[in-house]
Amino acid sequence: MTDGRLTEGTVRTTLRALESLEQLLFGSGQRVARRNAWAAVLEDRRRARARYEAQAVLDAATPRPPLAPAKPLASTKG
């Protein structure tokens, strides 16, 4: 039983199966367009990951101001 994660081999096999199906259903022009669109999606994900990592580095390097002292709670006695 697997833990639900996709392995590289599973992804590769699935991709090959989808590409074969794509060849049967679509002409070469649409195939190229879909491949280009997928490449753009992957590149966007790579840039988003790089932005996230850069922000984490900046956040870790930025000193944080000290917290203000806590205010005492208001008395509930009348």
PDB file of N, CA and C in Angstrom:
ATOM      1  N   MET A   1       0.852  -1.184   0.000  1.00  0.00           N
ATOM      2  CA  MET A   1       0.000   0.000   0.000  1.00  0.00           C
ATOM      3  C   MET A   1       0.892   1.239   0.000  1.00  0.00           C
ATOM      4  N   THR A   2       0.561   2.211  -0.806  1.00  0.00           N
ATOM      5  CA  THR A   2       1.351   3.442  -0.852  1.00  0.00           C
ATOM      6  C   THR A   2       0.740   4.476   0.074  1.00  0.00           C
ATOM      7  N   ASP A   3       1.506   5.508   0.335  1.00  0.00           N
ATOM      8  CA  ASP A   3       1.015   6.557   1.229  1.00  0.00           C
ATOM      9  C   ASP A   3       0.309   7.665   0.463  1.00  0.00           C
ATOM     10  N   GLY A   4       0.076   7.473  -0.841  1.00  0.00           N
ATOM     11  CA  GLY A   4      -0.681   8.453  -1.612  1.00  0.00           C
ATOM     12  C   GLY A   4       0.184   9.449  -2.352  1.00  0.00           C
ATOM     13  N   ARG A   5       1.485   9.432  -2.121  1.00  0.00           N
ATOM     14  CA  ARG A   5       2.372  10.358  -2.816  1.00  0.00           C
ATOM     15  C   ARG A   5       2.725   9.804  -4.187  1.00  0.00           C
ATOM     16  N   LEU A   6       2.869  10.706  -5.142  1.00  0.00           N
ATOM     17  CA  LEU A   6       3.269  10.301  -6.481  1.00  0.00           C
ATOM     18  C   LEU A   6       4.781  10.225  -6.551  1.00  0.00           C
ATOM     19  N   THR A   7       5.274   9.152  -7.108  1.00  0.00           N
ATOM     20  CA  THR A   7       6.713   9.027  -7.298  1.00  0.00           C
ATOM     21  C   THR A   7       7.062   9.525  -8.688  1.00  0.00           C
ATOM     22  N   GLU A   8       8.331   9.753  -8.929  1.00  0.00           N
ATOM     23  CA  GLU A   8       8.763  10.227 -10.238  1.00  0.00           C
ATOM     24  C   GLU A   8       8.384   9.224 -11.320  1.00  0.00           C
ATOM     25  N   GLY A   9       8.532   7.944 -11.024  1.00  0.00           N
ATOM     26  CA  GLY A   9       8.182   6.910 -11.997  1.00  0.00           C
ATOM     27  C   GLY A   9       6.701   6.900 -12.323  1.00  0.00           C
ATOM     28  N   THR A  10       5.859   7.091 -11.316  1.00  0.00           N
ATOM     29  CA  THR A  10       4.415   7.138 -11.526  1.00  0.00           C
ATOM     30  C   THR A  10       4.039   8.337 -12.375  1.00  0.00           C
ATOM     31  N   VAL A  11       4.635   9.476 -12.081  1.00  0.00           N
ATOM     32  CA  VAL A  11       4.337  10.682 -12.846  1.00  0.00           C
ATOM     33  C   VAL A  11       4.779  10.496 -14.292  1.00  0.00           C
ATOM     34  N   ARG A  12       5.974   9.935 -14.501  1.00  0.00           N
ATOM     35  CA  ARG A  12       6.493   9.730 -15.853  1.00  0.00           C
ATOM     36  C   ARG A  12       5.581   8.787 -16.637  1.00  0.00           C
ATOM     37  N   THR A  13       5.166   7.685 -16.008  1.00  0.00           N
ATOM     38  CA  THR A  13       4.286   6.721 -16.673  1.00  0.00           C
ATOM     39  C   THR A  13       2.949   7.356 -17.020  1.00  0.00           C
ATOM     40  N   THR A  14       2.400   8.120 -16.093  1.00  0.00           N
ATOM     41  CA  THR A  14       1.125   8.791 -16.330  1.00  0.00           C
ATOM     42  C   THR A  14       1.262   9.805 -17.457  1.00  0.00           C
ATOM     43  N   LEU A  15       2.360  10.535 -17.471  1.00  0.00           N
ATOM     44  CA  LEU A  15       2.589  11.523 -18.515  1.00  0.00           C
ATOM     45  C   LEU A  15       2.676  10.855 -19.877  1.00  0.00           C
ATOM     46  N   ARG A  16       3.379   9.741 -19.966  1.00  0.00           N
ATOM     47  CA  ARG A  16       3.486   9.019 -21.241  1.00  0.00           C
ATOM     48  C   ARG A  16       2.117   8.529 -21.708  1.00  0.00           C
ATOM     49  N   ALA A  17       1.317   8.029 -20.798  1.00  0.00           N
ATOM     50  CA  ALA A  17      -0.016   7.555 -21.164  1.00  0.00           C
ATOM     51  C   ALA A  17      -0.879   8.705 -21.665  1.00  0.00           C
ATOM     52  N   LEU A  18      -0.793   9.846 -20.995  1.00  0.00           N
ATOM     53  CA  LEU A  18      -1.580  11.010 -21.426  1.00  0.00           C
ATOM     54  C   LEU A  18      -1.099  11.538 -22.772  1.00  0.00           C
ATOM     55  N   GLU A  19       0.208  11.523 -22.994  1.00  0.00           N
ATOM     56  CA  GLU A  19       0.738  11.975 -24.280  1.00  0.00           C
ATOM     57  C   GLU A  19       0.285  11.048 -25.411  1.00  0.00           C
ATOM     58  N   SER A  20       0.237   9.757 -25.153  1.00  0.00           N
ATOM     59  CA  SER A  20      -0.236   8.811 -26.166  1.00  0.00           C
ATOM     60  C   SER A  20      -1.704   9.068 -26.494  1.00  0.00           C
ATOM     61  N   LEU A  21      -2.496   9.274 -25.476  1.00  0.00           N
ATOM     62  CA  LEU A  21      -3.909   9.579 -25.680  1.00  0.00           C
ATOM     63  C   LEU A  21      -4.065  10.896 -26.432  1.00  0.00           C
ATOM     64  N   GLU A  22      -3.263  11.860 -26.102  1.00  0.00           N
ATOM     65  CA  GLU A  22      -3.288  13.157 -26.760  1.00  0.00           C
ATOM     66  C   GLU A  22      -2.983  13.007 -28.252  1.00  0.00           C
ATOM     67  N   GLN A  23      -2.025  12.173 -28.603  1.00  0.00           N
ATOM     68  CA  GLN A  23      -1.678  11.954 -30.002  1.00  0.00           C
ATOM     69  C   GLN A  23      -2.854  11.371 -30.776  1.00  0.00           C
ATOM     70  N   LEU A  24      -3.612  10.510 -30.133  1.00  0.00           N
ATOM     71  CA  LEU A  24      -4.770   9.916 -30.800  1.00  0.00           C
ATOM     72  C   LEU A  24      -5.906  10.924 -30.993  1.00  0.00           C
ATOM     73  N   LEU A  25      -6.093  11.798 -30.022  1.00  0.00           N
ATOM     74  CA  LEU A  25      -7.253  12.687 -30.034  1.00  0.00           C
ATOM     75  C   LEU A  25      -7.029  14.012 -30.758  1.00  0.00           C
ATOM     76  N   PHE A  26      -5.827  14.538 -30.709  1.00  0.00           N
ATOM     77  CA  PHE A  26      -5.591  15.883 -31.217  1.00  0.00           C
ATOM     78  C   PHE A  26      -4.554  15.888 -32.326  1.00  0.00           C
ATOM     79  N   GLY A  27      -4.616  16.929 -33.129  1.00  0.00           N
ATOM     80  CA  GLY A  27      -3.597  17.117 -34.150  1.00  0.00           C
ATOM     81  C   GLY A  27      -2.315  17.631 -33.530  1.00  0.00           C
ATOM     82  N   SER A  28      -1.264  17.696 -34.316  1.00  0.00           N
ATOM     83  CA  SER A  28       0.035  18.090 -33.776  1.00  0.00           C
ATOM     84  C   SER A  28       0.050  19.534 -33.298  1.00  0.00           C
ATOM     85  N   GLY A  29      -0.708  20.428 -33.935  1.00  0.00           N
ATOM     86  CA  GLY A  29      -0.732  21.835 -33.519  1.00  0.00           C
ATOM     87  C   GLY A  29      -1.266  22.000 -32.113  1.00  0.00           C
ATOM     88  N   GLN A  30      -2.354  21.333 -31.810  1.00  0.00           N
ATOM     89  CA  GLN A  30      -2.926  21.437 -30.472  1.00  0.00           C
ATOM     90  C   GLN A  30      -2.020  20.761 -29.449  1.00  0.00           C
ATOM     91  N   ARG A  31      -1.348  19.700 -29.867  1.00  0.00           N
ATOM     92  CA  ARG A  31      -0.422  19.013 -28.978  1.00  0.00           C
ATOM     93  C   ARG A  31       0.714  19.953 -28.558  1.00  0.00           C
ATOM     94  N   VAL A  32       1.253  20.685 -29.537  1.00  0.00           N
ATOM     95  CA  VAL A  32       2.331  21.629 -29.243  1.00  0.00           C
ATOM     96  C   VAL A  32       1.823  22.730 -28.322  1.00  0.00           C
ATOM     97  N   ALA A  33       0.619  23.219 -28.577  1.00  0.00           N
ATOM     98  CA  ALA A  33       0.048  24.277 -27.734  1.00  0.00           C
ATOM     99  C   ALA A  33      -0.131  23.797 -26.299  1.00  0.00           C
ATOM    100  N   ARG A  34      -0.616  22.588 -26.127  1.00  0.00           N
ATOM    101  CA  ARG A  34      -0.793  22.046 -24.772  1.00  0.00           C
ATOM    102  C   ARG A  34       0.553  21.865 -24.078  1.00  0.00           C
ATOM    103  N   ARG A  35       1.544  21.382 -24.831  1.00  0.00           N
ATOM    104  CA  ARG A  35       2.868  21.189 -24.250  1.00  0.00           C
ATOM    105  C   ARG A  35       3.471  22.525 -23.833  1.00  0.00           C
ATOM    106  N   ASN A  36       3.293  23.548 -24.662  1.00  0.00           N
ATOM    107  CA  ASN A  36       3.796  24.883 -24.324  1.00  0.00           C
ATOM    108  C   ASN A  36       3.082  25.439 -23.098  1.00  0.00           C
ATOM    109  N   ALA A  37       1.778  25.219 -23.026  1.00  0.00           N
ATOM    110  CA  ALA A  37       1.014  25.702 -21.866  1.00  0.00           C
ATOM    111  C   ALA A  37       1.487  25.004 -20.592  1.00  0.00           C
ATOM    112  N   TRP A  38       1.725  23.710 -20.666  1.00  0.00           N
ATOM    113  CA  TRP A  38       2.193  22.966 -19.492  1.00  0.00           C
ATOM    114  C   TRP A  38       3.572  23.449 -19.075  1.00  0.00           C
ATOM    115  N   ALA A  39       4.446  23.711 -20.062  1.00  0.00           N
ATOM    116  CA  ALA A  39       5.780  24.230 -19.742  1.00  0.00           C
ATOM    117  C   ALA A  39       5.664  25.577 -19.026  1.00  0.00           C
ATOM    118  N   ALA A  40       4.714  26.404 -19.449  1.00  0.00           N
ATOM    119  CA  ALA A  40       4.504  27.697 -18.796  1.00  0.00           C
ATOM    120  C   ALA A  40       4.015  27.516 -17.358  1.00  0.00           C
ATOM    121  N   VAL A  41       3.134  26.550 -17.147  1.00  0.00           N
ATOM    122  CA  VAL A  41       2.647  26.263 -15.791  1.00  0.00           C
ATOM    123  C   VAL A  41       3.801  25.832 -14.891  1.00  0.00           C
ATOM    124  N   LEU A  42       4.635  24.935 -15.392  1.00  0.00           N
ATOM    125  CA  LEU A  42       5.767  24.458 -14.590  1.00  0.00           C
ATOM    126  C   LEU A  42       6.744  25.588 -14.282  1.00  0.00           C
ATOM    127  N   GLU A  43       6.990  26.462 -15.257  1.00  0.00           N
ATOM    128  CA  GLU A  43       7.894  27.590 -15.041  1.00  0.00           C
ATOM    129  C   GLU A  43       7.301  28.559 -14.014  1.00  0.00           C
ATOM    130  N   ASP A  44       5.994  28.776 -14.070  1.00  0.00           N
ATOM    131  CA  ASP A  44       5.338  29.650 -13.095  1.00  0.00           C
ATOM    132  C   ASP A  44       5.452  29.064 -11.694  1.00  0.00           C
ATOM    133  N   ARG A  45       5.289  27.757 -11.574  1.00  0.00           N
ATOM    134  CA  ARG A  45       5.440  27.112 -10.265  1.00  0.00           C
ATOM    135  C   ARG A  45       6.870  27.254  -9.746  1.00  0.00           C
ATOM    136  N   ARG A  46       7.857  27.120 -10.661  1.00  0.00           N
ATOM    137  CA  ARG A  46       9.255  27.268 -10.264  1.00  0.00           C
ATOM    138  C   ARG A  46       9.520  28.681  -9.765  1.00  0.00           C
ATOM    139  N   ARG A  47       8.984  29.685 -10.468  1.00  0.00           N
ATOM    140  CA  ARG A  47       9.177  31.075 -10.033  1.00  0.00           C
ATOM    141  C   ARG A  47       8.476  31.332  -8.700  1.00  0.00           C
ATOM    142  N   ALA A  48       7.294  30.780  -8.514  1.00  0.00           N
ATOM    143  CA  ALA A  48       6.571  30.960  -7.250  1.00  0.00           C
ATOM    144  C   ALA A  48       7.354  30.341  -6.094  1.00  0.00           C
ATOM    145  N   ARG A  49       7.932  29.161  -6.319  1.00  0.00           N
ATOM    146  CA  ARG A  49       8.735  28.505  -5.281  1.00  0.00           C
ATOM    147  C   ARG A  49       9.965  29.356  -4.957  1.00  0.00           C
ATOM    148  N   ALA A  50      10.589  29.924  -5.991  1.00  0.00           N
ATOM    149  CA  ALA A  50      11.775  30.771  -5.773  1.00  0.00           C
ATOM    150  C   ALA A  50      11.393  32.032  -4.994  1.00  0.00           C
ATOM    151  N   ARG A  51      10.243  32.634  -5.316  1.00  0.00           N
ATOM    152  CA  ARG A  51       9.783  33.818  -4.566  1.00  0.00           C
ATOM    153  C   ARG A  51       9.531  33.474  -3.110  1.00  0.00           C
ATOM    154  N   TYR A  52       8.891  32.343  -2.879  1.00  0.00           N
ATOM    155  CA  TYR A  52       8.594  31.908  -1.515  1.00  0.00           C
ATOM    156  C   TYR A  52       9.891  31.713  -0.719  1.00  0.00           C
ATOM    157  N   GLU A  53      10.857  31.037  -1.347  1.00  0.00           N
ATOM    158  CA  GLU A  53      12.128  30.785  -0.665  1.00  0.00           C
ATOM    159  C   GLU A  53      12.881  32.087  -0.405  1.00  0.00           C
ATOM    160  N   ALA A  54      12.856  33.013  -1.372  1.00  0.00           N
ATOM    161  CA  ALA A  54      13.526  34.303  -1.186  1.00  0.00           C
ATOM    162  C   ALA A  54      12.866  35.090  -0.051  1.00  0.00           C
ATOM    163  N   GLN A  55      11.537  35.046   0.017  1.00  0.00           N
ATOM    164  CA  GLN A  55      10.827  35.748   1.084  1.00  0.00           C
ATOM    165  C   GLN A  55      11.167  35.155   2.441  1.00  0.00           C
ATOM    166  N   ALA A  56      11.295  33.838   2.511  1.00  0.00           N
ATOM    167  CA  ALA A  56      11.653  33.179   3.776  1.00  0.00           C
ATOM    168  C   ALA A  56      13.041  33.618   4.228  1.00  0.00           C
ATOM    169  N   VAL A  57      13.974  33.740   3.277  1.00  0.00           N
ATOM    170  CA  VAL A  57      15.327  34.190   3.620  1.00  0.00           C
ATOM    171  C   VAL A  57      15.281  35.633   4.115  1.00  0.00           C
ATOM    172  N   LEU A  58      14.535  36.486   3.418  1.00  0.00           N
ATOM    173  CA  LEU A  58      14.421  37.886   3.843  1.00  0.00           C
ATOM    174  C   LEU A  58      13.769  38.004   5.219  1.00  0.00           C
ATOM    175  N   ASP A  59      12.726  37.223   5.441  1.00  0.00           N
ATOM    176  CA  ASP A  59      12.046  37.260   6.743  1.00  0.00           C
ATOM    177  C   ASP A  59      12.981  36.806   7.864  1.00  0.00           C
ATOM    178  N   ALA A  60      13.797  35.803   7.587  1.00  0.00           N
ATOM    179  CA  ALA A  60      14.722  35.297   8.608  1.00  0.00           C
ATOM    180  C   ALA A  60      15.818  36.311   8.901  1.00  0.00           C
ATOM    181  N   ALA A  61      16.186  37.121   7.906  1.00  0.00           N
ATOM    182  CA  ALA A  61      17.274  38.081   8.077  1.00  0.00           C
ATOM    183  C   ALA A  61      16.811  39.418   8.644  1.00  0.00           C
ATOM    184  N   THR A  62      15.520  39.670   8.635  1.00  0.00           N
ATOM    185  CA  THR A  62      14.983  40.941   9.117  1.00  0.00           C
ATOM    186  C   THR A  62      14.787  40.880  10.626  1.00  0.00           C
ATOM    187  N   PRO A  63      15.420  41.816  11.361  1.00  0.00           N
ATOM    188  CA  PRO A  63      15.202  41.810  12.816  1.00  0.00           C
ATOM    189  C   PRO A  63      13.758  42.220  13.128  1.00  0.00           C
ATOM    190  N   ARG A  64      13.200  41.591  14.088  1.00  0.00           N
ATOM    191  CA  ARG A  64      11.818  41.885  14.470  1.00  0.00           C
ATOM    192  C   ARG A  64      11.824  42.855  15.653  1.00  0.00           C
ATOM    193  N   PRO A  65      10.903  43.829  15.645  1.00  0.00           N
ATOM    194  CA  PRO A  65      10.839  44.759  16.777  1.00  0.00           C
ATOM    195  C   PRO A  65      10.367  44.021  18.030  1.00  0.00           C
ATOM    196  N   PRO A  66      10.808  44.475  19.187  1.00  0.00           N
ATOM    197  CA  PRO A  66      10.364  43.798  20.424  1.00  0.00           C
ATOM    198  C   PRO A  66       8.857  43.978  20.608  1.00  0.00           C
ATOM    199  N   LEU A  67       8.256  43.013  21.244  1.00  0.00           N
ATOM    200  CA  LEU A  67       6.822  43.079  21.511  1.00  0.00           C
ATOM    201  C   LEU A  67       6.550  44.093  22.614  1.00  0.00           C
ATOM    202  N   ALA A  68       5.428  44.789  22.487  1.00  0.00           N
ATOM    203  CA  ALA A  68       5.026  45.738  23.526  1.00  0.00           C
ATOM    204  C   ALA A  68       4.612  44.950  24.769  1.00  0.00           C
ATOM    205  N   PRO A  69       4.848  45.526  25.949  1.00  0.00           N
ATOM    206  CA  PRO A  69       4.423  44.814  27.163  1.00  0.00           C
ATOM    207  C   PRO A  69       2.908  44.645  27.178  1.00  0.00           C
ATOM    208  N   ALA A  70       2.465  43.557  27.751  1.00  0.00           N
ATOM    209  CA  ALA A  70       1.035  43.273  27.816  1.00  0.00           C
ATOM    210  C   ALA A  70       0.350  44.246  28.758  1.00  0.00           C
ATOM    211  N   LYS A  71      -0.836  44.697  28.360  1.00  0.00           N
ATOM    212  CA  LYS A  71      -1.621  45.587  29.221  1.00  0.00           C
ATOM    213  C   LYS A  71      -2.359  44.762  30.246  1.00  0.00           C
ATOM    214  N   PRO A  72      -2.463  45.241  31.451  1.00  0.00           N
ATOM    215  CA  PRO A  72      -3.233  44.478  32.471  1.00  0.00           C
ATOM    216  C   PRO A  72      -4.700  44.417  32.075  1.00  0.00           C
ATOM    217  N   LEU A  73      -5.347  43.319  32.441  1.00  0.00           N
ATOM    218  CA  LEU A  73      -6.760  43.164  32.153  1.00  0.00           C
ATOM    219  C   LEU A  73      -7.572  44.106  33.032  1.00  0.00           C
ATOM    220  N   ALA A  74      -8.647  44.611  32.479  1.00  0.00           N
ATOM    221  CA  ALA A  74      -9.537  45.503  33.242  1.00  0.00           C
ATOM    222  C   ALA A  74     -10.203  44.718  34.357  1.00  0.00           C
ATOM    223  N   SER A  75     -10.392  45.340  35.475  1.00  0.00           N
ATOM    224  CA  SER A  75     -11.034  44.695  36.617  1.00  0.00           C
ATOM    225  C   SER A  75     -12.509  44.543  36.342  1.00  0.00           C
ATOM    226  N   THR A  76     -13.058  43.381  36.685  1.00  0.00           N
ATOM    227  CA  THR A  76     -14.470  43.130  36.483  1.00  0.00           C
ATOM    228  C   THR A  76     -15.286  43.454  37.716  1.00  0.00           C
ATOM    229  N   LYS A  77     -14.617  43.922  38.789  1.00  0.00           N
ATOM    230  CA  LYS A  77     -15.340  44.258  40.026  1.00  0.00           C
ATOM    231  C   LYS A  77     -15.963  45.624  39.858  1.00  0.00           C
ATOM    232  N   GLY A  78     -17.186  45.775  40.322  1.00  0.00           N
ATOM    233  CA  GLY A  78     -17.955  46.992  40.162  1.00  0.00           C
ATOM    234  C   GLY A  78     -17.711  47.951  41.206  1.00  0.00           C
TER     235      GLY A  78
END
